[in-house]
C-alpha atoms as a PDB file:
ATOM      1  CA  MET A   1      -4.449   0.299   3.899  1.00  0.00           C
ATOM      2  CA  ILE A   2      -5.429   3.933   3.254  1.00  0.00           C
ATOM      3  CA  GLN A   3      -6.061   5.057  -0.228  1.00  0.00           C
ATOM      4  CA  ILE A   4      -5.373   8.795  -0.978  1.00  0.00           C
ATOM      5  CA  CYS A   5      -6.149   9.361  -4.755  1.00  0.00           C
ATOM      6  CA  ARG A   6      -7.033  13.143  -4.613  1.00  0.00           C
ATOM      7  CA  ASP A   7      -7.258  16.215  -2.539  1.00  0.00           C
ATOM      8  CA  ASN A   8      -9.985  16.801  -0.116  1.00  0.00           C
ATOM      9  CA  PRO A   9     -13.086  17.375  -2.323  1.00  0.00           C
ATOM     10  CA  LEU A  10     -14.782  19.218   0.493  1.00  0.00           C
ATOM     11  CA  SER A  11     -12.199  21.929   0.610  1.00  0.00           C
ATOM     12  CA  ARG A  12     -13.492  25.287  -0.446  1.00  0.00           C
ATOM     13  CA  SER A  13     -10.316  27.061  -0.962  1.00  0.00           C
ATOM     14  CA  PHE A  14      -8.401  26.662  -4.249  1.00  0.00           C
ATOM     15  CA  ARG A  15      -5.386  28.063  -2.619  1.00  0.00           C
ATOM     16  CA  SER A  16      -5.178  25.367  -0.079  1.00  0.00           C
ATOM     17  CA  SER A  17      -1.559  23.874   0.132  1.00  0.00           C
ATOM     18  CA  SER A  18      -2.849  20.839   2.031  1.00  0.00           C
ATOM     19  CA  ARG A  19      -2.697  17.684  -0.078  1.00  0.00           C
ATOM     20  CA  GLY A  20      -3.334  14.097   0.753  1.00  0.00           C
ATOM     21  CA  LEU A  21      -3.784  12.712   4.257  1.00  0.00           C
ATOM     22  CA  SER A  22      -1.949  14.197   7.397  1.00  0.00           C
ATOM     23  CA  ARG A  23       0.592  12.067   9.068  1.00  0.00           C
ATOM     24  CA  ILE A  24      -0.265   9.656  11.857  1.00  0.00           C
ATOM     25  CA  ASP A  25       2.184   9.982  14.686  1.00  0.00           C
ATOM     26  CA  GLU A  26       1.328   6.871  16.570  1.00  0.00           C
ATOM     27  CA  THR A  27       0.939   3.340  15.562  1.00  0.00           C
ATOM     28  CA  PRO A  28      -0.603   0.976  18.084  1.00  0.00           C
ATOM     29  CA  ALA A  29       1.038  -2.183  18.805  1.00  0.00           C
ATOM     30  CA  GLY A  30       0.546  -4.861  16.205  1.00  0.00           C
ATOM     31  CA  ILE A  31      -0.637  -2.689  13.456  1.00  0.00           C
ATOM     32  CA  LEU A  32       0.460  -1.989   9.967  1.00  0.00           C
ATOM     33  CA  LEU A  33      -0.552   1.137   8.238  1.00  0.00           C
ATOM     34  CA  ALA A  34      -0.162   1.143   4.499  1.00  0.00           C
ATOM     35  CA  TYR A  35      -0.576   4.353   2.489  1.00  0.00           C
ATOM     36  CA  PHE A  36      -1.043   4.029  -1.298  1.00  0.00           C
ATOM     37  CA  THR A  37       1.567   6.825  -1.431  1.00  0.00           C
ATOM     38  CA  ALA A  38       4.064   9.031   0.580  1.00  0.00           C
ATOM     39  CA  LEU A  39       2.558  11.338   3.028  1.00  0.00           C
ATOM     40  CA  GLY A  40       1.429  14.583   1.483  1.00  0.00           C
ATOM     41  CA  SER A  41       1.317  13.049  -1.956  1.00  0.00           C
ATOM     42  CA  ILE A  42      -1.733  11.979  -3.860  1.00  0.00           C
ATOM     43  CA  ALA A  43      -1.855   8.317  -5.492  1.00  0.00           C
ATOM     44  CA  ALA A  44      -2.738   7.748  -9.045  1.00  0.00           C
ATOM     45  CA  ASP A  45      -6.213   6.513  -9.988  1.00  0.00           C
ATOM     46  CA  GLY A  46      -4.760   4.408 -12.965  1.00  0.00           C
ATOM     47  CA  ASP A  47      -6.182   3.793 -16.349  1.00  0.00           C
ATOM     48  CA  GLY A  48      -8.045   0.612 -15.546  1.00  0.00           C
ATOM     49  CA  LYS A  49     -10.426  -0.796 -13.138  1.00  0.00           C
ATOM     50  CA  ASN A  50      -7.975  -0.550 -10.235  1.00  0.00           C
ATOM     51  CA  SER A  51      -5.166   1.828  -9.168  1.00  0.00           C
ATOM     52  CA  PRO A  52      -1.572   0.928  -9.833  1.00  0.00           C
ATOM     53  CA  TYR A  53      -1.288   0.321  -5.933  1.00  0.00           C
ATOM     54  CA  THR A  54      -4.468  -2.080  -5.923  1.00  0.00           C
ATOM     55  CA  LYS A  55      -3.157  -4.001  -8.854  1.00  0.00           C
ATOM     56  CA  ALA A  56       0.255  -4.519  -7.246  1.00  0.00           C
ATOM     57  CA  GLN A  57      -0.935  -5.136  -3.779  1.00  0.00           C
ATOM     58  CA  VAL A  58      -3.411  -7.834  -5.010  1.00  0.00           C
ATOM     59  CA  LYS A  59      -0.779  -9.578  -6.977  1.00  0.00           C
ATOM     60  CA  ALA A  60       1.860  -9.417  -4.112  1.00  0.00           C
ATOM     61  CA  MET A  61      -0.747 -10.553  -1.406  1.00  0.00           C
ATOM     62  CA  ASN A  62      -1.812 -13.625  -3.612  1.00  0.00           C
ATOM     63  CA  GLN A  63       1.794 -14.977  -3.619  1.00  0.00           C
ATOM     64  CA  PRO A  64       1.903 -17.829  -0.933  1.00  0.00           C
ATOM     65  CA  GLY A  65       4.502 -17.948   1.797  1.00  0.00           C
ATOM     66  CA  ARG A  66       5.703 -14.281   1.904  1.00  0.00           C
ATOM     67  CA  GLN A  67       5.739 -12.307   5.114  1.00  0.00           C
ATOM     68  CA  VAL A  68       3.745  -9.177   5.209  1.00  0.00           C
ATOM     69  CA  GLU A  69       6.803  -6.772   4.935  1.00  0.00           C
ATOM     70  CA  ILE A  70       7.896  -8.633   1.715  1.00  0.00           C
ATOM     71  CA  VAL A  71       4.461  -8.252   0.185  1.00  0.00           C
ATOM     72  CA  PHE A  72       4.333  -4.482   0.834  1.00  0.00           C
ATOM     73  CA  LYS A  73       7.885  -3.975  -0.448  1.00  0.00           C
ATOM     74  CA  GLU A  74       6.993  -5.784  -3.535  1.00  0.00           C
ATOM     75  CA  ALA A  75       3.963  -3.872  -4.092  1.00  0.00           C
ATOM     76  CA  ALA A  76       5.824  -0.486  -3.467  1.00  0.00           C
ATOM     77  CA  LYS A  77       8.466  -1.363  -5.922  1.00  0.00           C
ATOM     78  CA  SER A  78       6.019  -2.262  -8.653  1.00  0.00           C
ATOM     79  CA  VAL A  79       4.021   0.940  -7.984  1.00  0.00           C
ATOM     80  CA  LYS A  80       7.129   3.086  -8.075  1.00  0.00           C
ATOM     81  CA  ASN A  81       8.123   1.517 -11.501  1.00  0.00           C
ATOM     82  CA  GLU A  82       4.752   1.797 -13.041  1.00  0.00           C
ATOM     83  CA  THR A  83       4.316   5.345 -12.033  1.00  0.00           C
ATOM     84  CA  LYS A  84       8.021   6.236 -13.134  1.00  0.00           C
ATOM     85  CA  GLY A  85       8.694   7.340  -9.421  1.00  0.00           C
ATOM     86  CA  GLN A  86       5.830   9.720  -9.251  1.00  0.00           C
ATOM     87  CA  GLN A  87       3.968   7.505  -6.480  1.00  0.00           C
ATOM     88  CA  ILE A  88       5.933   5.740  -3.792  1.00  0.00           C
ATOM     89  CA  PRO A  89       3.778   3.730  -1.189  1.00  0.00           C
ATOM     90  CA  TRP A  90       4.675   4.166   2.423  1.00  0.00           C
ATOM     91  CA  VAL A  91       4.222   1.870   5.318  1.00  0.00           C
ATOM     92  CA  SER A  92       4.366   2.328   9.042  1.00  0.00           C
ATOM     93  CA  SER A  93       4.384  -0.984  11.145  1.00  0.00           C
ATOM     94  CA  SER A  94       4.417  -2.147  14.725  1.00  0.00           C
ATOM     95  CA  ILE A  95       4.197  -5.720  13.903  1.00  0.00           C
ATOM     96  CA  THR A  96       6.597  -7.815  15.774  1.00  0.00           C
ATOM     97  CA  GLY A  97       5.613 -11.266  14.809  1.00  0.00           C
ATOM     98  CA  ASP A  98       5.291 -13.035  11.577  1.00  0.00           C
ATOM     99  CA  PHE A  99       2.325 -12.506   9.436  1.00  0.00           C
ATOM    100  CA  TYR A 100       1.333 -14.006   6.095  1.00  0.00           C
ATOM    101  CA  PHE A 101      -1.607 -13.195   3.789  1.00  0.00           C
ATOM    102  CA  ARG A 102      -1.164 -16.856   2.502  1.00  0.00           C
ATOM    103  CA  ASP A 103       0.589 -19.761   3.912  1.00  0.00           C
ATOM    104  CA  LYS A 104       2.914 -21.782   1.722  1.00  0.00           C
ATOM    105  CA  LEU A 105       1.075 -24.299  -0.409  1.00  0.00           C
ATOM    106  CA  ALA A 106       1.132 -27.824   1.136  1.00  0.00           C
ATOM    107  CA  THR A 107       3.134 -30.330  -0.830  1.00  0.00           C
ATOM    108  CA  PRO A 108       0.624 -32.908  -2.359  1.00  0.00           C
ATOM    109  CA  ILE A 109       1.039 -36.427  -1.126  1.00  0.00           C
ATOM    110  CA  LYS A 110       1.938 -38.873  -3.895  1.00  0.00           C
ATOM    111  CA  LYS A 111       0.033 -42.171  -4.073  1.00  0.00           C
END
């Protein structure tokens, strides 16, 4: 996951039109790149301890039995809603198999 919250602090030009991180054109096999916001945009820092994206992603990742694609879609929807469309996370994936952050919870055996 790549967090881009602000312009390049090392830039010396105030007239620079470059914002955020440039596009990565190739995604190696089996990789998922998750940007906190769309390419060329800047993600919100948020009011609390974590950014809107971090809060949404942690919540989505902690739900058991959800495939990685669903986790990122749920987080993106939450961020878009919380920021009133100002921040839209972006994902590039070359994952071909199933991946889960958390497996489904095992059903307890009754005695």
